[in-house]
Amino acid sequence: MGEFIVDADVMARTRFGTSQLTETLSGLLILLSRDVRPWHRDWHNANVAALGTRLADDPVGAALVRHAFGATWTADFLTVPPSAPDLDLDEELQYLESLDDARIRTDLEFVSGPLSPELTAAGLACTAAELLRWVWRQTIRDEWDRRLRILRADVVSRTARLSSEGWSGALDGIAPGVRWLKNGRLQVNAHPYPPRDIRGRDLLLIAAHSRGSWVSWRLPDLYAVVYPVTGMFASAPAPLSEPLVRLLGRNRARLLTMLAAPTSTSALVAATGLPLGSVGGHLRVLLDAGLLERRRSGREVLYWRSPVGTTLVEAPGTDGAAERGLVPLLSGR
């Protein structure tokens, strides 16, 4: 299995974050995949035909895509982590665009062997960057604000777990093959690669709407693990039941629908974009009505639906719930 050898200084500097380039590359991988997760399926189906048309008009780009993605490895020039937080896509692509054709061909040959004749063309870095810009503009940019709220919610949730449970808790369930092994060892994948000593280096944990996790680096000093957001953070919000909205108010209905699993207040704020005071007030009302349960985890309080709350969310006709005595009629936005 692949491992990073770390020390206390590395882990003290390790931080969670987001990246527009990583999100764009993740989107490209999902569009190229035949094994699409249920929460990515609608987005994939809405955009895959346009990508096919784009690649049909760009034989060099199509050849680059064929060679860049292997079963366990992606060409290094595509996966370089950001040098700083909160960069926009063009800033992140500057490194890729600085690479010469020989470097890109070397990375592609490492992944998939002898190259197609199309890849003898000049300007491969520009071809790759323009393809990624197309994916960003056509499939991600218009929904980036929503995606960013989801990514930040995951980051907030894991940062809270780090403060209360340490790295073992923060990394629990983050991705298959990623876990804290103690004794200065961080497992980063399940592949039989030799350990890599990154003591004295910096480490990023990047949340993305991705099919899975991967490892990347900007040598010599920066390493990253990309991991997928899951659960309530993985996709666009499910449509709300209008009877439930009429019963509880839209924001309370939204929160109740989201709370299938224990979630912190700060994560809900990040996911919904609602003010902290509003989220806290709605949670208190839902808790008083018996629709939620809660417990403290370190500095955070976690909320999740009670059996009564689950019954209400899953009821086919919510209008009759109040009449059956499941919940008092609660109004609120």
C-alpha atoms as a PDB file:
ATOM      1  CA  MET A   1       0.000   0.000   0.000  1.00  0.00           C
ATOM      2  CA  GLY A   2       1.136   3.594  -0.604  1.00  0.00           C
ATOM      3  CA  GLU A   3       2.223   5.477   2.517  1.00  0.00           C
ATOM      4  CA  PHE A   4       3.585   8.880   3.424  1.00  0.00           C
ATOM      5  CA  ILE A   5       6.138   8.939   6.212  1.00  0.00           C
ATOM      6  CA  VAL A   6       5.394  12.059   8.239  1.00  0.00           C
ATOM      7  CA  ASP A   7       6.230  13.670  11.563  1.00  0.00           C
ATOM      8  CA  ALA A   8       4.474  15.967  14.011  1.00  0.00           C
ATOM      9  CA  ASP A   9       5.636  19.094  12.156  1.00  0.00           C
ATOM     10  CA  VAL A  10       4.157  17.903   8.855  1.00  0.00           C
ATOM     11  CA  MET A  11       0.819  17.067  10.426  1.00  0.00           C
ATOM     12  CA  ALA A  12       0.721  20.349  12.352  1.00  0.00           C
ATOM     13  CA  ARG A  13       1.052  22.215   9.038  1.00  0.00           C
ATOM     14  CA  THR A  14      -1.343  19.956   7.111  1.00  0.00           C
ATOM     15  CA  ARG A  15      -4.501  21.743   6.040  1.00  0.00           C
ATOM     16  CA  PHE A  16      -7.751  20.957   4.236  1.00  0.00           C
ATOM     17  CA  GLY A  17      -8.712  22.995   1.192  1.00  0.00           C
ATOM     18  CA  THR A  18     -10.253  23.221  -2.273  1.00  0.00           C
ATOM     19  CA  SER A  19      -8.937  23.742  -5.798  1.00  0.00           C
ATOM     20  CA  GLN A  20     -10.669  24.800  -9.012  1.00  0.00           C
ATOM     21  CA  LEU A  21      -8.170  22.817 -11.086  1.00  0.00           C
ATOM     22  CA  THR A  22      -8.701  19.694  -8.991  1.00  0.00           C
ATOM     23  CA  GLU A  23     -12.472  20.096  -9.288  1.00  0.00           C
ATOM     24  CA  THR A  24     -12.126  20.492 -13.068  1.00  0.00           C
ATOM     25  CA  LEU A  25      -9.890  17.443 -13.451  1.00  0.00           C
ATOM     26  CA  SER A  26     -12.308  15.464 -11.274  1.00  0.00           C
ATOM     27  CA  GLY A  27     -15.138  16.513 -13.568  1.00  0.00           C
ATOM     28  CA  LEU A  28     -13.212  15.409 -16.658  1.00  0.00           C
ATOM     29  CA  LEU A  29     -12.552  12.008 -15.086  1.00  0.00           C
ATOM     30  CA  ILE A  30     -16.240  11.569 -14.253  1.00  0.00           C
ATOM     31  CA  LEU A  31     -17.245  12.477 -17.814  1.00  0.00           C
ATOM     32  CA  LEU A  32     -14.764   9.921 -19.200  1.00  0.00           C
ATOM     33  CA  SER A  33     -15.920   7.156 -16.865  1.00  0.00           C
ATOM     34  CA  ARG A  34     -18.497   4.445 -17.522  1.00  0.00           C
ATOM     35  CA  ASP A  35     -18.768   3.733 -13.786  1.00  0.00           C
ATOM     36  CA  VAL A  36     -20.593   6.837 -12.567  1.00  0.00           C
ATOM     37  CA  ARG A  37     -21.698   7.217  -8.951  1.00  0.00           C
ATOM     38  CA  PRO A  38     -25.447   7.803  -8.483  1.00  0.00           C
ATOM     39  CA  TRP A  39     -24.895  11.320  -7.096  1.00  0.00           C
ATOM     40  CA  HIS A  40     -22.837  12.271 -10.188  1.00  0.00           C
ATOM     41  CA  ARG A  41     -25.120  10.642 -12.768  1.00  0.00           C
ATOM     42  CA  ASP A  42     -27.383  13.582 -13.646  1.00  0.00           C
ATOM     43  CA  TRP A  43     -24.416  15.921 -14.087  1.00  0.00           C
ATOM     44  CA  HIS A  44     -22.552  13.314 -16.171  1.00  0.00           C
ATOM     45  CA  ASN A  45     -25.527  12.656 -18.432  1.00  0.00           C
ATOM     46  CA  ALA A  46     -26.091  16.379 -18.992  1.00  0.00           C
ATOM     47  CA  ASN A  47     -22.501  17.017 -20.138  1.00  0.00           C
ATOM     48  CA  VAL A  48     -20.953  13.850 -21.584  1.00  0.00           C
ATOM     49  CA  ALA A  49     -22.242  14.360 -25.133  1.00  0.00           C
ATOM     50  CA  ALA A  50     -20.749  17.857 -25.295  1.00  0.00           C
ATOM     51  CA  LEU A  51     -17.367  16.484 -24.205  1.00  0.00           C
ATOM     52  CA  GLY A  52     -17.566  13.851 -26.941  1.00  0.00           C
ATOM     53  CA  THR A  53     -18.184  16.551 -29.521  1.00  0.00           C
ATOM     54  CA  ARG A  54     -15.329  18.670 -28.116  1.00  0.00           C
ATOM     55  CA  LEU A  55     -12.843  15.765 -28.330  1.00  0.00           C
ATOM     56  CA  ALA A  56     -14.011  14.780 -31.815  1.00  0.00           C
ATOM     57  CA  ASP A  57     -13.023  18.275 -32.959  1.00  0.00           C
ATOM     58  CA  ASP A  58      -9.625  18.088 -31.199  1.00  0.00           C
ATOM     59  CA  PRO A  59      -7.680  14.932 -32.163  1.00  0.00           C
ATOM     60  CA  VAL A  60      -4.586  15.993 -30.218  1.00  0.00           C
ATOM     61  CA  GLY A  61      -6.651  16.612 -27.097  1.00  0.00           C
ATOM     62  CA  ALA A  62      -8.441  13.288 -27.567  1.00  0.00           C
ATOM     63  CA  ALA A  63      -5.111  11.458 -27.854  1.00  0.00           C
ATOM     64  CA  LEU A  64      -3.819  13.254 -24.776  1.00  0.00           C
ATOM     65  CA  VAL A  65      -6.877  12.119 -22.821  1.00  0.00           C
ATOM     66  CA  ARG A  66      -6.449   8.507 -24.002  1.00  0.00           C
ATOM     67  CA  HIS A  67      -2.867   8.399 -22.734  1.00  0.00           C
ATOM     68  CA  ALA A  68      -3.122  10.519 -19.561  1.00  0.00           C
ATOM     69  CA  PHE A  69      -5.320   8.293 -17.427  1.00  0.00           C
ATOM     70  CA  GLY A  70      -4.197   4.805 -16.420  1.00  0.00           C
ATOM     71  CA  ALA A  71      -5.785   2.263 -14.112  1.00  0.00           C
ATOM     72  CA  THR A  72      -3.762   3.424 -11.077  1.00  0.00           C
ATOM     73  CA  TRP A  73      -1.920   6.515 -12.307  1.00  0.00           C
ATOM     74  CA  THR A  74      -2.705   9.865 -13.899  1.00  0.00           C
ATOM     75  CA  ALA A  75      -0.057  11.817 -15.788  1.00  0.00           C
ATOM     76  CA  ASP A  76       1.743  13.989 -13.238  1.00  0.00           C
ATOM     77  CA  PHE A  77       1.464  17.250 -15.205  1.00  0.00           C
ATOM     78  CA  LEU A  78      -2.347  17.212 -14.778  1.00  0.00           C
ATOM     79  CA  THR A  79      -2.476  16.678 -11.024  1.00  0.00           C
ATOM     80  CA  VAL A  80      -0.121  19.300  -9.576  1.00  0.00           C
ATOM     81  CA  PRO A  81      -1.683  20.772  -6.390  1.00  0.00           C
ATOM     82  CA  PRO A  82      -2.143  24.539  -5.990  1.00  0.00           C
ATOM     83  CA  SER A  83       0.769  26.484  -4.566  1.00  0.00           C
ATOM     84  CA  ALA A  84      -1.600  28.611  -2.457  1.00  0.00           C
ATOM     85  CA  PRO A  85      -5.256  28.500  -1.374  1.00  0.00           C
ATOM     86  CA  ASP A  86      -8.131  30.167  -3.234  1.00  0.00           C
ATOM     87  CA  LEU A  87      -6.429  30.534  -6.610  1.00  0.00           C
ATOM     88  CA  ASP A  88      -8.602  30.766  -9.698  1.00  0.00           C
ATOM     89  CA  LEU A  89      -8.273  28.237 -12.513  1.00  0.00           C
ATOM     90  CA  ASP A  90      -6.067  30.395 -14.756  1.00  0.00           C
ATOM     91  CA  GLU A  91      -3.617  30.934 -11.896  1.00  0.00           C
ATOM     92  CA  GLU A  92      -3.476  27.203 -11.198  1.00  0.00           C
ATOM     93  CA  LEU A  93      -2.927  26.405 -14.890  1.00  0.00           C
ATOM     94  CA  GLN A  94       0.180  28.597 -15.108  1.00  0.00           C
ATOM     95  CA  TYR A  95       2.384  25.711 -13.966  1.00  0.00           C
ATOM     96  CA  LEU A  96       0.972  23.337 -16.588  1.00  0.00           C
ATOM     97  CA  GLU A  97       1.348  25.950 -19.310  1.00  0.00           C
ATOM     98  CA  SER A  98       5.025  26.418 -18.385  1.00  0.00           C
ATOM     99  CA  LEU A  99       5.908  22.793 -19.224  1.00  0.00           C
ATOM    100  CA  ASP A 100       7.569  21.837 -22.484  1.00  0.00           C
ATOM    101  CA  ASP A 101       6.391  19.090 -24.821  1.00  0.00           C
ATOM    102  CA  ALA A 102       9.186  16.710 -23.832  1.00  0.00           C
ATOM    103  CA  ARG A 103       8.113  16.757 -20.171  1.00  0.00           C
ATOM    104  CA  ILE A 104       4.476  16.095 -21.076  1.00  0.00           C
ATOM    105  CA  ARG A 105       5.364  13.230 -23.414  1.00  0.00           C
ATOM    106  CA  THR A 106       7.525  11.687 -20.680  1.00  0.00           C
ATOM    107  CA  ASP A 107       4.606  11.776 -18.238  1.00  0.00           C
ATOM    108  CA  LEU A 108       2.232  10.295 -20.828  1.00  0.00           C
ATOM    109  CA  GLU A 109       4.650   7.490 -21.736  1.00  0.00           C
ATOM    110  CA  PHE A 110       5.040   6.619 -18.054  1.00  0.00           C
ATOM    111  CA  VAL A 111       1.266   6.116 -17.807  1.00  0.00           C
ATOM    112  CA  SER A 112       0.518   4.288 -21.047  1.00  0.00           C
ATOM    113  CA  GLY A 113       3.642   3.459 -23.051  1.00  0.00           C
ATOM    114  CA  PRO A 114       4.234   4.361 -26.709  1.00  0.00           C
ATOM    115  CA  LEU A 115       2.323   7.445 -27.801  1.00  0.00           C
ATOM    116  CA  SER A 116      -0.114   8.027 -30.644  1.00  0.00           C
ATOM    117  CA  PRO A 117       1.179   9.969 -33.678  1.00  0.00           C
ATOM    118  CA  GLU A 118      -1.060  12.926 -32.760  1.00  0.00           C
ATOM    119  CA  LEU A 119       1.116  13.558 -29.707  1.00  0.00           C
ATOM    120  CA  THR A 120       4.118  14.509 -31.839  1.00  0.00           C
ATOM    121  CA  ALA A 121       2.363  17.870 -32.238  1.00  0.00           C
ATOM    122  CA  ALA A 122       3.795  20.948 -30.552  1.00  0.00           C
ATOM    123  CA  GLY A 123       2.027  22.891 -27.820  1.00  0.00           C
ATOM    124  CA  LEU A 124       0.750  19.949 -25.753  1.00  0.00           C
ATOM    125  CA  ALA A 125       0.620  22.045 -22.584  1.00  0.00           C
ATOM    126  CA  CYS A 126      -1.626  24.574 -24.282  1.00  0.00           C
ATOM    127  CA  THR A 127      -3.859  21.782 -25.625  1.00  0.00           C
ATOM    128  CA  ALA A 128      -4.255  20.265 -22.155  1.00  0.00           C
ATOM    129  CA  ALA A 129      -4.894  23.636 -20.497  1.00  0.00           C
ATOM    130  CA  GLU A 130      -7.523  24.636 -23.045  1.00  0.00           C
ATOM    131  CA  LEU A 131      -9.333  21.323 -22.621  1.00  0.00           C
ATOM    132  CA  LEU A 132      -9.446  21.853 -18.860  1.00  0.00           C
ATOM    133  CA  ARG A 133     -10.677  25.422 -19.345  1.00  0.00           C
ATOM    134  CA  TRP A 134     -13.441  24.074 -21.587  1.00  0.00           C
ATOM    135  CA  VAL A 135     -14.526  21.565 -18.911  1.00  0.00           C
ATOM    136  CA  TRP A 136     -14.560  24.383 -16.340  1.00  0.00           C
ATOM    137  CA  ARG A 137     -16.533  26.845 -18.481  1.00  0.00           C
ATOM    138  CA  GLN A 138     -19.046  24.374 -19.894  1.00  0.00           C
ATOM    139  CA  THR A 139     -19.751  22.117 -16.924  1.00  0.00           C
ATOM    140  CA  ILE A 140     -18.590  23.596 -13.599  1.00  0.00           C
ATOM    141  CA  ARG A 141     -18.238  27.384 -13.581  1.00  0.00           C
ATOM    142  CA  ASP A 142     -21.948  28.211 -13.399  1.00  0.00           C
ATOM    143  CA  GLU A 143     -22.426  25.985 -10.344  1.00  0.00           C
ATOM    144  CA  TRP A 144     -19.084  26.685  -8.678  1.00  0.00           C
ATOM    145  CA  ASP A 145     -20.607  28.714  -5.819  1.00  0.00           C
ATOM    146  CA  ARG A 146     -22.848  25.787  -4.875  1.00  0.00           C
ATOM    147  CA  ARG A 147     -20.012  23.305  -5.259  1.00  0.00           C
ATOM    148  CA  LEU A 148     -17.720  25.466  -3.140  1.00  0.00           C
ATOM    149  CA  ARG A 149     -20.288  25.588  -0.305  1.00  0.00           C
ATOM    150  CA  ILE A 150     -20.434  21.790  -0.388  1.00  0.00           C
ATOM    151  CA  LEU A 151     -16.657  21.411  -0.410  1.00  0.00           C
ATOM    152  CA  ARG A 152     -16.225  23.888   2.425  1.00  0.00           C
ATOM    153  CA  ALA A 153     -18.884  22.102   4.443  1.00  0.00           C
ATOM    154  CA  ASP A 154     -16.873  18.899   4.187  1.00  0.00           C
ATOM    155  CA  VAL A 155     -13.689  20.758   5.120  1.00  0.00           C
ATOM    156  CA  VAL A 156     -15.402  22.336   8.141  1.00  0.00           C
ATOM    157  CA  SER A 157     -16.766  18.968   9.261  1.00  0.00           C
ATOM    158  CA  ARG A 158     -13.376  17.240   9.045  1.00  0.00           C
ATOM    159  CA  THR A 159     -11.532  20.115  10.691  1.00  0.00           C
ATOM    160  CA  ALA A 160     -13.965  19.903  13.604  1.00  0.00           C
ATOM    161  CA  ARG A 161     -13.339  16.176  13.890  1.00  0.00           C
ATOM    162  CA  LEU A 162      -9.591  16.793  13.837  1.00  0.00           C
ATOM    163  CA  SER A 163      -9.853  19.080  16.868  1.00  0.00           C
ATOM    164  CA  SER A 164     -11.873  16.540  18.843  1.00  0.00           C
ATOM    165  CA  GLU A 165     -10.682  13.142  17.575  1.00  0.00           C
ATOM    166  CA  GLY A 166      -7.232  13.710  16.111  1.00  0.00           C
ATOM    167  CA  TRP A 167      -6.072  12.578  12.673  1.00  0.00           C
ATOM    168  CA  SER A 168      -7.549   9.117  13.064  1.00  0.00           C
ATOM    169  CA  GLY A 169     -11.021  10.633  13.432  1.00  0.00           C
ATOM    170  CA  ALA A 170     -10.552  13.336  10.786  1.00  0.00           C
ATOM    171  CA  LEU A 171      -9.495  10.765   8.185  1.00  0.00           C
ATOM    172  CA  ASP A 172     -12.046   8.115   9.131  1.00  0.00           C
ATOM    173  CA  GLY A 173     -14.039   7.244   6.020  1.00  0.00           C
ATOM    174  CA  ILE A 174     -12.376   9.953   3.937  1.00  0.00           C
ATOM    175  CA  ALA A 175     -11.688   7.578   1.016  1.00  0.00           C
ATOM    176  CA  PRO A 176     -10.995   3.871   0.451  1.00  0.00           C
ATOM    177  CA  GLY A 177      -7.358   3.169   1.218  1.00  0.00           C
ATOM    178  CA  VAL A 178      -6.728   6.438   3.109  1.00  0.00           C
ATOM    179  CA  ARG A 179      -6.243   6.201   6.870  1.00  0.00           C
ATOM    180  CA  TRP A 180      -3.996   7.242   9.724  1.00  0.00           C
ATOM    181  CA  LEU A 181      -1.668   4.371  10.709  1.00  0.00           C
ATOM    182  CA  LYS A 182       0.055   6.122  13.658  1.00  0.00           C
ATOM    183  CA  ASN A 183       3.805   5.993  14.261  1.00  0.00           C
ATOM    184  CA  GLY A 184       4.415   8.630  11.618  1.00  0.00           C
ATOM    185  CA  ARG A 185       2.696   6.735   8.798  1.00  0.00           C
ATOM    186  CA  LEU A 186      -0.234   7.925   6.687  1.00  0.00           C
ATOM    187  CA  GLN A 187      -1.709   5.425   4.239  1.00  0.00           C
ATOM    188  CA  VAL A 188      -2.699   7.320   1.075  1.00  0.00           C
ATOM    189  CA  ASN A 189      -3.885   4.475  -1.162  1.00  0.00           C
ATOM    190  CA  ALA A 190      -4.158   0.699  -1.320  1.00  0.00           C
ATOM    191  CA  HIS A 191      -1.653   0.243  -4.161  1.00  0.00           C
ATOM    192  CA  PRO A 192       1.689  -1.543  -3.583  1.00  0.00           C
ATOM    193  CA  TYR A 193       3.858   1.553  -4.026  1.00  0.00           C
ATOM    194  CA  PRO A 194       6.919   2.119  -1.801  1.00  0.00           C
ATOM    195  CA  PRO A 195       6.571   4.577   1.110  1.00  0.00           C
ATOM    196  CA  ARG A 196       7.497   8.191   0.410  1.00  0.00           C
ATOM    197  CA  ASP A 197       9.224  10.233   3.110  1.00  0.00           C
ATOM    198  CA  ILE A 198       7.679  13.728   3.170  1.00  0.00           C
ATOM    199  CA  ARG A 199       9.114  14.905   6.487  1.00  0.00           C
ATOM    200  CA  GLY A 200      10.023  18.572   6.189  1.00  0.00           C
ATOM    201  CA  ARG A 201       7.431  19.026   3.427  1.00  0.00           C
ATOM    202  CA  ASP A 202       3.879  20.418   3.335  1.00  0.00           C
ATOM    203  CA  LEU A 203       0.724  18.359   2.879  1.00  0.00           C
ATOM    204  CA  LEU A 204      -2.709  19.396   1.562  1.00  0.00           C
ATOM    205  CA  LEU A 205      -5.967  17.445   1.825  1.00  0.00           C
ATOM    206  CA  ILE A 206      -8.147  18.640  -1.069  1.00  0.00           C
ATOM    207  CA  ALA A 207     -11.899  18.000  -1.134  1.00  0.00           C
ATOM    208  CA  ALA A 208     -13.416  17.451  -4.583  1.00  0.00           C
ATOM    209  CA  HIS A 209     -16.476  16.069  -6.350  1.00  0.00           C
ATOM    210  CA  SER A 210     -14.417  13.110  -7.520  1.00  0.00           C
ATOM    211  CA  ARG A 211     -14.876   9.405  -8.220  1.00  0.00           C
ATOM    212  CA  GLY A 212     -12.179   8.520  -5.705  1.00  0.00           C
ATOM    213  CA  SER A 213      -8.918   9.721  -4.187  1.00  0.00           C
ATOM    214  CA  TRP A 214      -5.479  10.332  -5.620  1.00  0.00           C
ATOM    215  CA  VAL A 215      -2.074  11.621  -4.557  1.00  0.00           C
ATOM    216  CA  SER A 216      -0.192  14.466  -6.211  1.00  0.00           C
ATOM    217  CA  TRP A 217       2.822  16.674  -5.625  1.00  0.00           C
ATOM    218  CA  ARG A 218       4.603  19.879  -6.579  1.00  0.00           C
ATOM    219  CA  LEU A 219       8.215  18.868  -6.019  1.00  0.00           C
ATOM    220  CA  PRO A 220      10.160  19.282  -3.921  1.00  0.00           C
ATOM    221  CA  ASP A 221       8.086  20.677  -1.064  1.00  0.00           C
ATOM    222  CA  LEU A 222       4.333  20.168  -1.518  1.00  0.00           C
ATOM    223  CA  TYR A 223       2.240  16.975  -1.488  1.00  0.00           C
ATOM    224  CA  ALA A 224      -1.521  16.521  -1.631  1.00  0.00           C
ATOM    225  CA  VAL A 225      -4.215  13.897  -1.180  1.00  0.00           C
ATOM    226  CA  VAL A 226      -7.431  14.527  -3.104  1.00  0.00           C
ATOM    227  CA  TYR A 227     -10.516  12.936  -1.554  1.00  0.00           C
ATOM    228  CA  PRO A 228     -14.200  12.766  -2.570  1.00  0.00           C
ATOM    229  CA  VAL A 229     -16.984  14.540  -0.745  1.00  0.00           C
ATOM    230  CA  THR A 230     -19.738  12.058   0.054  1.00  0.00           C
ATOM    231  CA  GLY A 231     -23.112  11.717   1.709  1.00  0.00           C
ATOM    232  CA  MET A 232     -25.153  14.911   1.973  1.00  0.00           C
ATOM    233  CA  PHE A 233     -22.246  16.913   0.516  1.00  0.00           C
ATOM    234  CA  ALA A 234     -21.878  14.916  -2.693  1.00  0.00           C
ATOM    235  CA  SER A 235     -24.549  16.341  -4.943  1.00  0.00           C
ATOM    236  CA  ALA A 236     -27.083  19.058  -5.480  1.00  0.00           C
ATOM    237  CA  PRO A 237     -29.824  19.197  -2.832  1.00  0.00           C
ATOM    238  CA  ALA A 238     -32.670  16.777  -3.454  1.00  0.00           C
ATOM    239  CA  PRO A 239     -36.003  18.410  -4.302  1.00  0.00           C
ATOM    240  CA  LEU A 240     -37.988  19.140  -1.166  1.00  0.00           C
ATOM    241  CA  SER A 241     -41.431  17.744  -0.576  1.00  0.00           C
ATOM    242  CA  GLU A 242     -43.819  20.681  -0.888  1.00  0.00           C
ATOM    243  CA  PRO A 243     -46.111  19.321   1.843  1.00  0.00           C
ATOM    244  CA  LEU A 244     -43.058  19.147   4.127  1.00  0.00           C
ATOM    245  CA  VAL A 245     -42.169  22.720   3.183  1.00  0.00           C
ATOM    246  CA  ARG A 246     -45.707  23.895   3.993  1.00  0.00           C
ATOM    247  CA  LEU A 247     -45.562  22.103   7.324  1.00  0.00           C
ATOM    248  CA  LEU A 248     -42.124  23.228   8.520  1.00  0.00           C
ATOM    249  CA  GLY A 249     -41.044  26.112   6.300  1.00  0.00           C
ATOM    250  CA  ARG A 250     -38.495  25.727   3.506  1.00  0.00           C
ATOM    251  CA  ASN A 251     -35.274  26.093   5.496  1.00  0.00           C
ATOM    252  CA  ARG A 252     -36.374  23.806   8.335  1.00  0.00           C
ATOM    253  CA  ALA A 253     -37.533  21.241   5.797  1.00  0.00           C
ATOM    254  CA  ARG A 254     -34.184  21.511   4.043  1.00  0.00           C
ATOM    255  CA  LEU A 255     -32.208  21.013   7.246  1.00  0.00           C
ATOM    256  CA  LEU A 256     -34.341  18.086   8.353  1.00  0.00           C
ATOM    257  CA  THR A 257     -33.926  16.434   4.947  1.00  0.00           C
ATOM    258  CA  MET A 258     -30.132  16.860   5.110  1.00  0.00           C
ATOM    259  CA  LEU A 259     -29.722  15.360   8.574  1.00  0.00           C
ATOM    260  CA  ALA A 260     -29.846  11.645   7.801  1.00  0.00           C
ATOM    261  CA  ALA A 261     -26.411  11.321   9.481  1.00  0.00           C
ATOM    262  CA  PRO A 262     -24.855  13.258  12.394  1.00  0.00           C
ATOM    263  CA  THR A 263     -23.699  16.662  11.151  1.00  0.00           C
ATOM    264  CA  SER A 264     -22.293  19.712  12.886  1.00  0.00           C
ATOM    265  CA  THR A 265     -23.894  23.145  12.909  1.00  0.00           C
ATOM    266  CA  SER A 266     -20.862  24.653  11.193  1.00  0.00           C
ATOM    267  CA  ALA A 267     -21.050  22.084   8.404  1.00  0.00           C
ATOM    268  CA  LEU A 268     -24.729  22.883   7.882  1.00  0.00           C
ATOM    269  CA  VAL A 269     -23.921  26.594   7.704  1.00  0.00           C
ATOM    270  CA  ALA A 270     -21.247  25.935   5.074  1.00  0.00           C
ATOM    271  CA  ALA A 271     -23.497  23.608   3.051  1.00  0.00           C
ATOM    272  CA  THR A 272     -26.589  25.813   3.044  1.00  0.00           C
ATOM    273  CA  GLY A 273     -25.146  29.315   3.049  1.00  0.00           C
ATOM    274  CA  LEU A 274     -27.567  30.283   5.844  1.00  0.00           C
ATOM    275  CA  PRO A 275     -26.340  32.451   8.738  1.00  0.00           C
ATOM    276  CA  LEU A 276     -25.157  30.616  11.835  1.00  0.00           C
ATOM    277  CA  GLY A 277     -27.906  32.181  13.970  1.00  0.00           C
ATOM    278  CA  SER A 278     -30.621  31.082  11.555  1.00  0.00           C
ATOM    279  CA  VAL A 279     -29.340  27.506  11.391  1.00  0.00           C
ATOM    280  CA  GLY A 280     -29.062  27.344  15.175  1.00  0.00           C
ATOM    281  CA  GLY A 281     -32.592  28.683  15.616  1.00  0.00           C
ATOM    282  CA  HIS A 282     -34.083  26.202  13.149  1.00  0.00           C
ATOM    283  CA  LEU A 283     -32.226  23.312  14.790  1.00  0.00           C
ATOM    284  CA  ARG A 284     -33.572  24.277  18.228  1.00  0.00           C
ATOM    285  CA  VAL A 285     -37.143  24.326  16.925  1.00  0.00           C
ATOM    286  CA  LEU A 286     -36.723  20.936  15.222  1.00  0.00           C
ATOM    287  CA  LEU A 287     -35.079  19.533  18.350  1.00  0.00           C
ATOM    288  CA  ASP A 288     -37.880  20.812  20.611  1.00  0.00           C
ATOM    289  CA  ALA A 289     -40.425  19.226  18.258  1.00  0.00           C
ATOM    290  CA  GLY A 290     -38.764  15.829  18.672  1.00  0.00           C
ATOM    291  CA  LEU A 291     -37.590  15.662  15.079  1.00  0.00           C
ATOM    292  CA  LEU A 292     -33.849  15.695  15.855  1.00  0.00           C
ATOM    293  CA  GLU A 293     -31.406  14.127  18.267  1.00  0.00           C
ATOM    294  CA  ARG A 294     -28.045  15.552  19.231  1.00  0.00           C
ATOM    295  CA  ARG A 295     -24.780  14.869  21.036  1.00  0.00           C
ATOM    296  CA  ARG A 296     -21.567  16.750  21.647  1.00  0.00           C
ATOM    297  CA  SER A 297     -18.374  15.710  19.834  1.00  0.00           C
ATOM    298  CA  GLY A 298     -15.423  17.736  21.105  1.00  0.00           C
ATOM    299  CA  ARG A 299     -16.185  21.400  20.395  1.00  0.00           C
ATOM    300  CA  GLU A 300     -19.013  20.592  17.989  1.00  0.00           C
ATOM    301  CA  VAL A 301     -22.631  19.558  18.564  1.00  0.00           C
ATOM    302  CA  LEU A 302     -23.871  16.984  16.065  1.00  0.00           C
ATOM    303  CA  TYR A 303     -27.525  16.760  14.975  1.00  0.00           C
ATOM    304  CA  TRP A 304     -29.382  14.007  13.140  1.00  0.00           C
ATOM    305  CA  ARG A 305     -32.968  12.997  12.502  1.00  0.00           C
ATOM    306  CA  SER A 306     -34.853  11.165  15.211  1.00  0.00           C
ATOM    307  CA  PRO A 307     -37.094   8.224  14.237  1.00  0.00           C
ATOM    308  CA  VAL A 308     -40.043  10.635  14.227  1.00  0.00           C
ATOM    309  CA  GLY A 309     -38.116  13.036  11.973  1.00  0.00           C
ATOM    310  CA  THR A 310     -37.247  10.211   9.586  1.00  0.00           C
ATOM    311  CA  THR A 311     -40.863   9.104   9.473  1.00  0.00           C
ATOM    312  CA  LEU A 312     -41.914  12.640   8.633  1.00  0.00           C
ATOM    313  CA  VAL A 313     -39.336  13.054   5.839  1.00  0.00           C
ATOM    314  CA  GLU A 314     -40.140   9.673   4.309  1.00  0.00           C
ATOM    315  CA  ALA A 315     -43.933   9.917   4.642  1.00  0.00           C
ATOM    316  CA  PRO A 316     -45.577   9.862   1.183  1.00  0.00           C
ATOM    317  CA  GLY A 317     -48.182  12.450   2.244  1.00  0.00           C
ATOM    318  CA  THR A 318     -46.681  14.914   4.700  1.00  0.00           C
ATOM    319  CA  ASP A 319     -49.821  17.023   4.823  1.00  0.00           C
ATOM    320  CA  GLY A 320     -51.424  14.445   7.071  1.00  0.00           C
ATOM    321  CA  ALA A 321     -48.512  14.218   9.460  1.00  0.00           C
ATOM    322  CA  ALA A 322     -49.771  16.898  11.829  1.00  0.00           C
ATOM    323  CA  GLU A 323     -53.215  15.331  11.919  1.00  0.00           C
ATOM    324  CA  ARG A 324     -51.653  11.991  12.906  1.00  0.00           C
ATOM    325  CA  GLY A 325     -49.875  13.704  15.805  1.00  0.00           C
ATOM    326  CA  LEU A 326     -46.352  13.226  14.436  1.00  0.00           C
ATOM    327  CA  VAL A 327     -45.347  16.856  14.785  1.00  0.00           C
ATOM    328  CA  PRO A 328     -46.891  20.189  15.686  1.00  0.00           C
ATOM    329  CA  LEU A 329     -47.421  22.600  12.823  1.00  0.00           C
ATOM    330  CA  LEU A 330     -44.229  24.648  12.654  1.00  0.00           C
ATOM    331  CA  SER A 331     -43.887  27.668  10.456  1.00  0.00           C
ATOM    332  CA  GLY A 332     -40.624  29.320   9.574  1.00  0.00           C
ATOM    333  CA  ARG A 333     -38.236  30.111   6.809  1.00  0.00           C
END
